[in-house]
Full PDB file with SEQRES, HELIX, SHEET, SSBOND, CRYST1, ORIGX, SCALE, CONECT and MASTER records, all heavy atoms in Angstrom:
SEQRES   1 A   33  GLU GLU HIS SER SER GLN MET GLU HIS ASP ARG PHE LEU          
SEQRES   2 A   33  SER ASP ARG ASP LYS VAL VAL GLY TYR VAL PRO GLN VAL          
SEQRES   3 A   33  ARG MET ASP ALA ILE LEU ASP                                  
HELIX    1 AA1 MET A    7  HIS A    9  5                                   3    
HELIX    2 AA2 ASP A   15  VAL A   20  1                                   6    
CRYST1    1.000    1.000    1.000  90.00  90.00  90.00 P 1           1          
ORIGX1      1.000000  0.000000  0.000000        0.00000                         
ORIGX2      0.000000  1.000000  0.000000        0.00000                         
ORIGX3      0.000000  0.000000  1.000000        0.00000                         
SCALE1      1.000000  0.000000  0.000000        0.00000                         
SCALE2      0.000000  1.000000  0.000000        0.00000                         
SCALE3      0.000000  0.000000  1.000000        0.00000                         
ATOM      1  N   GLU A   1      -4.101   4.078   3.816  1.00  0.00           N  
ATOM      2  CA  GLU A   1      -4.421   2.782   3.231  1.00  0.00           C  
ATOM      3  C   GLU A   1      -4.541   2.942   1.727  1.00  0.00           C  
ATOM      4  O   GLU A   1      -5.227   3.837   1.253  1.00  0.00           O  
ATOM      5  CB  GLU A   1      -5.757   2.263   3.770  1.00  0.00           C  
ATOM      6  CG  GLU A   1      -5.785   2.044   5.251  1.00  0.00           C  
ATOM      7  CD  GLU A   1      -7.176   1.678   5.749  1.00  0.00           C  
ATOM      8  OE1 GLU A   1      -8.147   1.685   4.956  1.00  0.00           O  
ATOM      9  OE2 GLU A   1      -7.292   1.394   6.948  1.00  0.00           O  
ATOM     10  N   GLU A   2      -3.876   2.064   0.993  1.00  0.00           N  
ATOM     11  CA  GLU A   2      -4.003   2.071  -0.461  1.00  0.00           C  
ATOM     12  C   GLU A   2      -5.023   1.022  -0.872  1.00  0.00           C  
ATOM     13  O   GLU A   2      -4.924  -0.142  -0.481  1.00  0.00           O  
ATOM     14  CB  GLU A   2      -2.676   1.760  -1.139  1.00  0.00           C  
ATOM     15  CG  GLU A   2      -2.815   1.692  -2.652  1.00  0.00           C  
ATOM     16  CD  GLU A   2      -1.549   1.228  -3.350  1.00  0.00           C  
ATOM     17  OE1 GLU A   2      -0.575   0.864  -2.671  1.00  0.00           O  
ATOM     18  OE2 GLU A   2      -1.557   1.219  -4.586  1.00  0.00           O  
ATOM     19  N   HIS A   3      -5.984   1.428  -1.665  1.00  0.00           N  
ATOM     20  CA  HIS A   3      -6.965   0.517  -2.257  1.00  0.00           C  
ATOM     21  C   HIS A   3      -6.773   0.601  -3.768  1.00  0.00           C  
ATOM     22  O   HIS A   3      -6.767   1.691  -4.330  1.00  0.00           O  
ATOM     23  CB  HIS A   3      -8.395   0.947  -1.883  1.00  0.00           C  
ATOM     24  CG  HIS A   3      -8.654   0.868  -0.411  1.00  0.00           C  
ATOM     25  ND1 HIS A   3      -9.287  -0.200   0.165  1.00  0.00           N  
ATOM     26  CD2 HIS A   3      -8.344   1.720   0.601  1.00  0.00           C  
ATOM     27  CE1 HIS A   3      -9.378  -0.008   1.468  1.00  0.00           C  
ATOM     28  NE2 HIS A   3      -8.804   1.148   1.757  1.00  0.00           N  
ATOM     29  N   SER A   4      -6.610  -0.540  -4.414  1.00  0.00           N  
ATOM     30  CA  SER A   4      -6.346  -0.538  -5.848  1.00  0.00           C  
ATOM     31  C   SER A   4      -6.874  -1.820  -6.480  1.00  0.00           C  
ATOM     32  O   SER A   4      -6.779  -2.898  -5.890  1.00  0.00           O  
ATOM     33  CB  SER A   4      -4.834  -0.439  -6.097  1.00  0.00           C  
ATOM     34  OG  SER A   4      -4.542  -0.631  -7.460  1.00  0.00           O  
ATOM     35  N   SER A   5      -7.370  -1.691  -7.690  1.00  0.00           N  
ATOM     36  CA  SER A   5      -7.817  -2.872  -8.424  1.00  0.00           C  
ATOM     37  C   SER A   5      -6.630  -3.669  -8.956  1.00  0.00           C  
ATOM     38  O   SER A   5      -6.784  -4.786  -9.421  1.00  0.00           O  
ATOM     39  CB  SER A   5      -8.725  -2.456  -9.581  1.00  0.00           C  
ATOM     40  OG  SER A   5      -8.010  -1.629 -10.480  1.00  0.00           O  
ATOM     41  N   GLN A   6      -5.432  -3.105  -8.874  1.00  0.00           N  
ATOM     42  CA  GLN A   6      -4.220  -3.755  -9.364  1.00  0.00           C  
ATOM     43  C   GLN A   6      -3.436  -4.466  -8.262  1.00  0.00           C  
ATOM     44  O   GLN A   6      -2.323  -4.909  -8.472  1.00  0.00           O  
ATOM     45  CB  GLN A   6      -3.309  -2.706 -10.023  1.00  0.00           C  
ATOM     46  CG  GLN A   6      -3.962  -1.942 -11.145  1.00  0.00           C  
ATOM     47  CD  GLN A   6      -4.398  -2.847 -12.278  1.00  0.00           C  
ATOM     48  OE1 GLN A   6      -3.657  -3.733 -12.689  1.00  0.00           O  
ATOM     49  NE2 GLN A   6      -5.606  -2.658 -12.769  1.00  0.00           N  
ATOM     50  N   MET A   7      -4.017  -4.589  -7.069  1.00  0.00           N  
ATOM     51  CA  MET A   7      -3.288  -5.135  -5.926  1.00  0.00           C  
ATOM     52  C   MET A   7      -2.744  -6.535  -6.161  1.00  0.00           C  
ATOM     53  O   MET A   7      -1.642  -6.848  -5.726  1.00  0.00           O  
ATOM     54  CB  MET A   7      -4.163  -5.144  -4.677  1.00  0.00           C  
ATOM     55  CG  MET A   7      -4.290  -3.793  -4.045  1.00  0.00           C  
ATOM     56  SD  MET A   7      -5.291  -3.788  -2.548  1.00  0.00           S  
ATOM     57  CE  MET A   7      -4.730  -5.196  -1.663  1.00  0.00           C  
ATOM     58  N   GLU A   8      -3.469  -7.381  -6.863  1.00  0.00           N  
ATOM     59  CA  GLU A   8      -3.016  -8.762  -7.029  1.00  0.00           C  
ATOM     60  C   GLU A   8      -1.724  -8.858  -7.841  1.00  0.00           C  
ATOM     61  O   GLU A   8      -1.043  -9.870  -7.820  1.00  0.00           O  
ATOM     62  CB  GLU A   8      -4.109  -9.633  -7.659  1.00  0.00           C  
ATOM     63  CG  GLU A   8      -4.477  -9.243  -9.076  1.00  0.00           C  
ATOM     64  CD  GLU A   8      -5.542  -8.158  -9.164  1.00  0.00           C  
ATOM     65  OE1 GLU A   8      -5.970  -7.641  -8.127  1.00  0.00           O  
ATOM     66  OE2 GLU A   8      -5.942  -7.824 -10.290  1.00  0.00           O  
ATOM     67  N   HIS A   9      -1.344  -7.790  -8.551  1.00  0.00           N  
ATOM     68  CA  HIS A   9      -0.134  -7.783  -9.371  1.00  0.00           C  
ATOM     69  C   HIS A   9       1.066  -7.168  -8.644  1.00  0.00           C  
ATOM     70  O   HIS A   9       2.154  -7.136  -9.195  1.00  0.00           O  
ATOM     71  CB  HIS A   9      -0.378  -7.028 -10.676  1.00  0.00           C  
ATOM     72  CG  HIS A   9      -1.535  -7.567 -11.460  1.00  0.00           C  
ATOM     73  ND1 HIS A   9      -1.549  -8.850 -11.981  1.00  0.00           N  
ATOM     74  CD2 HIS A   9      -2.719  -7.013 -11.780  1.00  0.00           C  
ATOM     75  CE1 HIS A   9      -2.699  -9.051 -12.602  1.00  0.00           C  
ATOM     76  NE2 HIS A   9      -3.427  -7.958 -12.494  1.00  0.00           N  
ATOM     77  N   ASP A  10       0.865  -6.697  -7.434  1.00  0.00           N  
ATOM     78  CA  ASP A  10       1.927  -6.023  -6.687  1.00  0.00           C  
ATOM     79  C   ASP A  10       2.761  -7.057  -5.949  1.00  0.00           C  
ATOM     80  O   ASP A  10       2.307  -7.695  -5.015  1.00  0.00           O  
ATOM     81  CB  ASP A  10       1.311  -5.023  -5.698  1.00  0.00           C  
ATOM     82  CG  ASP A  10       2.343  -4.136  -5.042  1.00  0.00           C  
ATOM     83  OD1 ASP A  10       3.530  -4.539  -4.962  1.00  0.00           O  
ATOM     84  OD2 ASP A  10       1.970  -3.037  -4.598  1.00  0.00           O  
ATOM     85  N   ARG A  11       4.015  -7.247  -6.344  1.00  0.00           N  
ATOM     86  CA  ARG A  11       4.874  -8.271  -5.758  1.00  0.00           C  
ATOM     87  C   ARG A  11       5.341  -7.934  -4.354  1.00  0.00           C  
ATOM     88  O   ARG A  11       5.908  -8.767  -3.666  1.00  0.00           O  
ATOM     89  CB  ARG A  11       6.061  -8.554  -6.670  1.00  0.00           C  
ATOM     90  CG  ARG A  11       6.958  -7.373  -6.908  1.00  0.00           C  
ATOM     91  CD  ARG A  11       7.991  -7.704  -7.997  1.00  0.00           C  
ATOM     92  NE  ARG A  11       8.686  -6.516  -8.405  1.00  0.00           N  
ATOM     93  CZ  ARG A  11       9.899  -6.190  -7.989  1.00  0.00           C  
ATOM     94  NH1 ARG A  11      10.553  -6.993  -7.191  1.00  0.00           N  
ATOM     95  NH2 ARG A  11      10.470  -5.088  -8.392  1.00  0.00           N  
ATOM     96  N   PHE A  12       5.115  -6.705  -3.882  1.00  0.00           N  
ATOM     97  CA  PHE A  12       5.543  -6.314  -2.546  1.00  0.00           C  
ATOM     98  C   PHE A  12       4.462  -6.520  -1.488  1.00  0.00           C  
ATOM     99  O   PHE A  12       4.687  -6.287  -0.320  1.00  0.00           O  
ATOM    100  CB  PHE A  12       5.999  -4.854  -2.529  1.00  0.00           C  
ATOM    101  CG  PHE A  12       7.217  -4.629  -3.374  1.00  0.00           C  
ATOM    102  CD1 PHE A  12       7.121  -3.976  -4.591  1.00  0.00           C  
ATOM    103  CD2 PHE A  12       8.452  -5.096  -2.971  1.00  0.00           C  
ATOM    104  CE1 PHE A  12       8.237  -3.787  -5.379  1.00  0.00           C  
ATOM    105  CE2 PHE A  12       9.572  -4.920  -3.755  1.00  0.00           C  
ATOM    106  CZ  PHE A  12       9.466  -4.254  -4.964  1.00  0.00           C  
ATOM    107  N   LEU A  13       3.282  -6.966  -1.904  1.00  0.00           N  
ATOM    108  CA  LEU A  13       2.208  -7.171  -0.944  1.00  0.00           C  
ATOM    109  C   LEU A  13       2.444  -8.416  -0.105  1.00  0.00           C  
ATOM    110  O   LEU A  13       2.888  -9.439  -0.606  1.00  0.00           O  
ATOM    111  CB  LEU A  13       0.872  -7.317  -1.667  1.00  0.00           C  
ATOM    112  CG  LEU A  13       0.345  -6.096  -2.405  1.00  0.00           C  
ATOM    113  CD1 LEU A  13      -0.988  -6.427  -3.049  1.00  0.00           C  
ATOM    114  CD2 LEU A  13       0.218  -4.922  -1.481  1.00  0.00           C  
ATOM    115  N   SER A  14       2.111  -8.301   1.154  1.00  0.00           N  
ATOM    116  CA  SER A  14       2.160  -9.479   2.021  1.00  0.00           C  
ATOM    117  C   SER A  14       0.843 -10.244   1.848  1.00  0.00           C  
ATOM    118  O   SER A  14      -0.132  -9.732   1.299  1.00  0.00           O  
ATOM    119  CB  SER A  14       2.327  -9.057   3.477  1.00  0.00           C  
ATOM    120  OG  SER A  14       1.152  -8.415   3.941  1.00  0.00           O  
ATOM    121  N   ASP A  15       0.819 -11.467   2.352  1.00  0.00           N  
ATOM    122  CA  ASP A  15      -0.424 -12.238   2.317  1.00  0.00           C  
ATOM    123  C   ASP A  15      -1.512 -11.507   3.092  1.00  0.00           C  
ATOM    124  O   ASP A  15      -2.674 -11.497   2.698  1.00  0.00           O  
ATOM    125  CB  ASP A  15      -0.207 -13.635   2.900  1.00  0.00           C  
ATOM    126  CG  ASP A  15       0.635 -14.508   1.980  1.00  0.00           C  
ATOM    127  OD1 ASP A  15       0.676 -14.228   0.764  1.00  0.00           O  
ATOM    128  OD2 ASP A  15       1.242 -15.467   2.479  1.00  0.00           O  
ATOM    129  N   ARG A  16      -1.137 -10.879   4.207  1.00  0.00           N  
ATOM    130  CA  ARG A  16      -2.098 -10.117   5.009  1.00  0.00           C  
ATOM    131  C   ARG A  16      -2.737  -9.000   4.187  1.00  0.00           C  
ATOM    132  O   ARG A  16      -3.943  -8.804   4.212  1.00  0.00           O  
ATOM    133  CB  ARG A  16      -1.402  -9.521   6.237  1.00  0.00           C  
ATOM    134  CG  ARG A  16      -2.343  -8.689   7.094  1.00  0.00           C  
ATOM    135  CD  ARG A  16      -1.598  -7.466   7.667  1.00  0.00           C  
ATOM    136  NE  ARG A  16      -2.512  -6.573   8.301  1.00  0.00           N  
ATOM    137  CZ  ARG A  16      -3.071  -5.523   7.708  1.00  0.00           C  
ATOM    138  NH1 ARG A  16      -2.816  -5.233   6.462  1.00  0.00           N  
ATOM    139  NH2 ARG A  16      -3.903  -4.745   8.348  1.00  0.00           N  
ATOM    140  N   ASP A  17      -1.915  -8.264   3.423  1.00  0.00           N  
ATOM    141  CA  ASP A  17      -2.426  -7.171   2.591  1.00  0.00           C  
ATOM    142  C   ASP A  17      -3.465  -7.684   1.599  1.00  0.00           C  
ATOM    143  O   ASP A  17      -4.505  -7.061   1.381  1.00  0.00           O  
ATOM    144  CB  ASP A  17      -1.300  -6.495   1.806  1.00  0.00           C  
ATOM    145  CG  ASP A  17      -0.236  -5.858   2.691  1.00  0.00           C  
ATOM    146  OD1 ASP A  17      -0.504  -5.625   3.886  1.00  0.00           O  
ATOM    147  OD2 ASP A  17       0.862  -5.597   2.176  1.00  0.00           O  
ATOM    148  N   LYS A  18      -3.185  -8.833   1.006  1.00  0.00           N  
ATOM    149  CA  LYS A  18      -4.100  -9.396   0.010  1.00  0.00           C  
ATOM    150  C   LYS A  18      -5.417  -9.827   0.648  1.00  0.00           C  
ATOM    151  O   LYS A  18      -6.477  -9.679   0.050  1.00  0.00           O  
ATOM    152  CB  LYS A  18      -3.440 -10.570  -0.703  1.00  0.00           C  
ATOM    153  CG  LYS A  18      -2.271 -10.141  -1.566  1.00  0.00           C  
ATOM    154  CD  LYS A  18      -1.547 -11.333  -2.157  1.00  0.00           C  
ATOM    155  CE  LYS A  18      -0.332 -10.891  -2.947  1.00  0.00           C  
ATOM    156  NZ  LYS A  18       0.470 -12.007  -3.414  1.00  0.00           N  
ATOM    157  N   VAL A  19      -5.359 -10.329   1.874  1.00  0.00           N  
ATOM    158  CA  VAL A  19      -6.571 -10.803   2.550  1.00  0.00           C  
ATOM    159  C   VAL A  19      -7.452  -9.632   2.997  1.00  0.00           C  
ATOM    160  O   VAL A  19      -8.660  -9.657   2.796  1.00  0.00           O  
ATOM    161  CB  VAL A  19      -6.211 -11.701   3.759  1.00  0.00           C  
ATOM    162  CG1 VAL A  19      -7.429 -11.984   4.613  1.00  0.00           C  
ATOM    163  CG2 VAL A  19      -5.584 -12.993   3.275  1.00  0.00           C  
ATOM    164  N   VAL A  20      -6.842  -8.600   3.600  1.00  0.00           N  
ATOM    165  CA  VAL A  20      -7.658  -7.494   4.122  1.00  0.00           C  
ATOM    166  C   VAL A  20      -8.134  -6.551   3.026  1.00  0.00           C  
ATOM    167  O   VAL A  20      -9.067  -5.790   3.229  1.00  0.00           O  
ATOM    168  CB  VAL A  20      -6.937  -6.698   5.239  1.00  0.00           C  
ATOM    169  CG1 VAL A  20      -6.640  -7.574   6.420  1.00  0.00           C  
ATOM    170  CG2 VAL A  20      -5.684  -6.032   4.725  1.00  0.00           C  
ATOM    171  N   GLY A  21      -7.499  -6.587   1.858  1.00  0.00           N  
ATOM    172  CA  GLY A  21      -7.984  -5.817   0.728  1.00  0.00           C  
ATOM    173  C   GLY A  21      -7.433  -4.407   0.613  1.00  0.00           C  
ATOM    174  O   GLY A  21      -7.879  -3.629  -0.210  1.00  0.00           O  
ATOM    175  N   TYR A  22      -6.465  -4.072   1.430  1.00  0.00           N  
ATOM    176  CA  TYR A  22      -5.807  -2.774   1.293  1.00  0.00           C  
ATOM    177  C   TYR A  22      -4.364  -2.915   1.743  1.00  0.00           C  
ATOM    178  O   TYR A  22      -3.991  -3.872   2.399  1.00  0.00           O  
ATOM    179  CB  TYR A  22      -6.518  -1.682   2.077  1.00  0.00           C  
ATOM    180  CG  TYR A  22      -6.455  -1.857   3.582  1.00  0.00           C  
ATOM    181  CD1 TYR A  22      -5.390  -1.351   4.319  1.00  0.00           C  
ATOM    182  CD2 TYR A  22      -7.455  -2.529   4.263  1.00  0.00           C  
ATOM    183  CE1 TYR A  22      -5.325  -1.523   5.685  1.00  0.00           C  
ATOM    184  CE2 TYR A  22      -7.403  -2.697   5.634  1.00  0.00           C  
ATOM    185  CZ  TYR A  22      -6.327  -2.185   6.341  1.00  0.00           C  
ATOM    186  OH  TYR A  22      -6.264  -2.356   7.699  1.00  0.00           O  
ATOM    187  N   VAL A  23      -3.564  -1.920   1.385  1.00  0.00           N  
ATOM    188  CA  VAL A  23      -2.154  -1.930   1.734  1.00  0.00           C  
ATOM    189  C   VAL A  23      -1.900  -0.842   2.775  1.00  0.00           C  
ATOM    190  O   VAL A  23      -2.156   0.334   2.512  1.00  0.00           O  
ATOM    191  CB  VAL A  23      -1.276  -1.669   0.491  1.00  0.00           C  
ATOM    192  CG1 VAL A  23       0.192  -1.705   0.855  1.00  0.00           C  
ATOM    193  CG2 VAL A  23      -1.594  -2.664  -0.609  1.00  0.00           C  
ATOM    194  N   PRO A  24      -1.411  -1.207   3.961  1.00  0.00           N  
ATOM    195  CA  PRO A  24      -1.086  -0.207   4.966  1.00  0.00           C  
ATOM    196  C   PRO A  24       0.199   0.528   4.561  1.00  0.00           C  
ATOM    197  O   PRO A  24       1.230  -0.102   4.324  1.00  0.00           O  
ATOM    198  CB  PRO A  24      -0.894  -1.024   6.242  1.00  0.00           C  
ATOM    199  CG  PRO A  24      -0.484  -2.379   5.774  1.00  0.00           C  
ATOM    200  CD  PRO A  24      -1.151  -2.571   4.440  1.00  0.00           C  
ATOM    201  N   GLN A  25       0.094   1.827   4.438  1.00  0.00           N  
ATOM    202  CA  GLN A  25       1.235   2.620   4.015  1.00  0.00           C  
ATOM    203  C   GLN A  25       1.400   3.824   4.931  1.00  0.00           C  
ATOM    204  O   GLN A  25       0.513   4.132   5.731  1.00  0.00           O  
ATOM    205  CB  GLN A  25       1.058   3.075   2.569  1.00  0.00           C  
ATOM    206  CG  GLN A  25       1.000   1.914   1.613  1.00  0.00           C  
ATOM    207  CD  GLN A  25       1.098   2.330   0.174  1.00  0.00           C  
ATOM    208  OE1 GLN A  25       0.992   3.486  -0.185  1.00  0.00           O  
ATOM    209  NE2 GLN A  25       1.315   1.355  -0.689  1.00  0.00           N  
ATOM    210  N   VAL A  26       2.541   4.480   4.799  1.00  0.00           N  
ATOM    211  CA  VAL A  26       2.771   5.734   5.504  1.00  0.00           C  
ATOM    212  C   VAL A  26       3.157   6.785   4.480  1.00  0.00           C  
ATOM    213  O   VAL A  26       3.786   6.483   3.456  1.00  0.00           O  
ATOM    214  CB  VAL A  26       3.869   5.627   6.589  1.00  0.00           C  
ATOM    215  CG1 VAL A  26       3.400   4.763   7.745  1.00  0.00           C  
ATOM    216  CG2 VAL A  26       5.171   5.129   6.033  1.00  0.00           C  
ATOM    217  N   ARG A  27       2.737   7.990   4.775  1.00  0.00           N  
ATOM    218  CA  ARG A  27       3.086   9.137   3.936  1.00  0.00           C  
ATOM    219  C   ARG A  27       3.946  10.067   4.773  1.00  0.00           C  
ATOM    220  O   ARG A  27       3.590  10.408   5.903  1.00  0.00           O  
ATOM    221  CB  ARG A  27       1.837   9.859   3.470  1.00  0.00           C  
ATOM    222  CG  ARG A  27       2.122  11.137   2.719  1.00  0.00           C  
ATOM    223  CD  ARG A  27       0.853  11.770   2.222  1.00  0.00           C  
ATOM    224  NE  ARG A  27       1.090  13.139   1.831  1.00  0.00           N  
ATOM    225  CZ  ARG A  27       0.199  13.905   1.243  1.00  0.00           C  
ATOM    226  NH1 ARG A  27      -1.011  13.422   0.994  1.00  0.00           N  
ATOM    227  NH2 ARG A  27       0.489  15.136   0.920  1.00  0.00           N  
ATOM    228  N   MET A  28       5.090  10.448   4.227  1.00  0.00           N  
ATOM    229  CA  MET A  28       5.985  11.374   4.877  1.00  0.00           C  
ATOM    230  C   MET A  28       5.883  12.699   4.149  1.00  0.00           C  
ATOM    231  O   MET A  28       5.877  12.742   2.913  1.00  0.00           O  
ATOM    232  CB  MET A  28       7.424  10.848   4.810  1.00  0.00           C  
ATOM    233  CG  MET A  28       8.459  11.690   5.556  1.00  0.00           C  
ATOM    234  SD  MET A  28       8.959  13.290   4.864  1.00  0.00           S  
ATOM    235  CE  MET A  28       9.526  12.890   3.234  1.00  0.00           C  
ATOM    236  N   ASP A  29       5.772  13.779   4.904  1.00  0.00           N  
ATOM    237  CA  ASP A  29       5.763  15.132   4.343  1.00  0.00           C  
ATOM    238  C   ASP A  29       6.824  15.960   5.046  1.00  0.00           C  
ATOM    239  O   ASP A  29       6.986  15.864   6.269  1.00  0.00           O  
ATOM    240  CB  ASP A  29       4.402  15.803   4.548  1.00  0.00           C  
ATOM    241  CG  ASP A  29       3.310  15.158   3.722  1.00  0.00           C  
ATOM    242  OD1 ASP A  29       3.409  15.196   2.488  1.00  0.00           O  
ATOM    243  OD2 ASP A  29       2.360  14.623   4.316  1.00  0.00           O  
ATOM    244  N   ALA A  30       7.545  16.770   4.255  1.00  0.00           N  
ATOM    245  CA  ALA A  30       8.542  17.679   4.809  1.00  0.00           C  
ATOM    246  C   ALA A  30       8.627  18.918   3.928  1.00  0.00           C  
ATOM    247  O   ALA A  30       8.471  18.829   2.708  1.00  0.00           O  
ATOM    248  CB  ALA A  30       9.903  17.005   4.887  1.00  0.00           C  
ATOM    249  N   ILE A  31       8.846  20.065   4.563  1.00  0.00           N  
ATOM    250  CA  ILE A  31       9.065  21.316   3.851  1.00  0.00           C  
ATOM    251  C   ILE A  31      10.575  21.558   3.832  1.00  0.00           C  
ATOM    252  O   ILE A  31      11.221  21.607   4.881  1.00  0.00           O  
ATOM    253  CB  ILE A  31       8.347  22.496   4.550  1.00  0.00           C  
ATOM    254  CG1 ILE A  31       6.858  22.204   4.733  1.00  0.00           C  
ATOM    255  CG2 ILE A  31       8.588  23.799   3.782  1.00  0.00           C  
ATOM    256  CD1 ILE A  31       6.078  22.035   3.463  1.00  0.00           C  
ATOM    257  N   LEU A  32      11.123  21.709   2.625  1.00  0.00           N  
ATOM    258  CA  LEU A  32      12.579  21.782   2.464  1.00  0.00           C  
ATOM    259  C   LEU A  32      12.964  22.790   1.395  1.00  0.00           C  
ATOM    260  O   LEU A  32      12.126  23.199   0.581  1.00  0.00           O  
ATOM    261  CB  LEU A  32      13.123  20.411   2.042  1.00  0.00           C  
ATOM    262  CG  LEU A  32      12.762  19.216   2.893  1.00  0.00           C  
ATOM    263  CD1 LEU A  32      13.042  17.928   2.144  1.00  0.00           C  
ATOM    264  CD2 LEU A  32      13.538  19.266   4.184  1.00  0.00           C  
ATOM    265  N   ASP A  33      14.248  23.136   1.363  1.00  0.00           N  
ATOM    266  CA  ASP A  33      14.783  23.907   0.244  1.00  0.00           C  
ATOM    267  C   ASP A  33      14.840  23.001  -0.978  1.00  0.00           C  
ATOM    268  O   ASP A  33      14.999  21.780  -0.847  1.00  0.00           O  
ATOM    269  CB  ASP A  33      16.197  24.409   0.555  1.00  0.00           C  
ATOM    270  CG  ASP A  33      16.219  25.448   1.658  1.00  0.00           C  
ATOM    271  OD1 ASP A  33      15.274  26.256   1.733  1.00  0.00           O  
ATOM    272  OD2 ASP A  33      17.186  25.435   2.446  1.00  0.00           O  
TER     273      ASP A  33                                                      
MASTER        0    0    0    2    0    0    0    6  272    1    0    3          
END                                                                             
C-alpha cells in the first residue's frame, strides 16, 4: 500500500484509492543477470 501526502495530484488514482486513503500496489522482485 502506498501512502503519500501527494496522492491528490496523482492522475492515475481511482476514486476508490482517493476515498480509502492509500494506493493498492504490487511489487515485483526478480534476481537476474
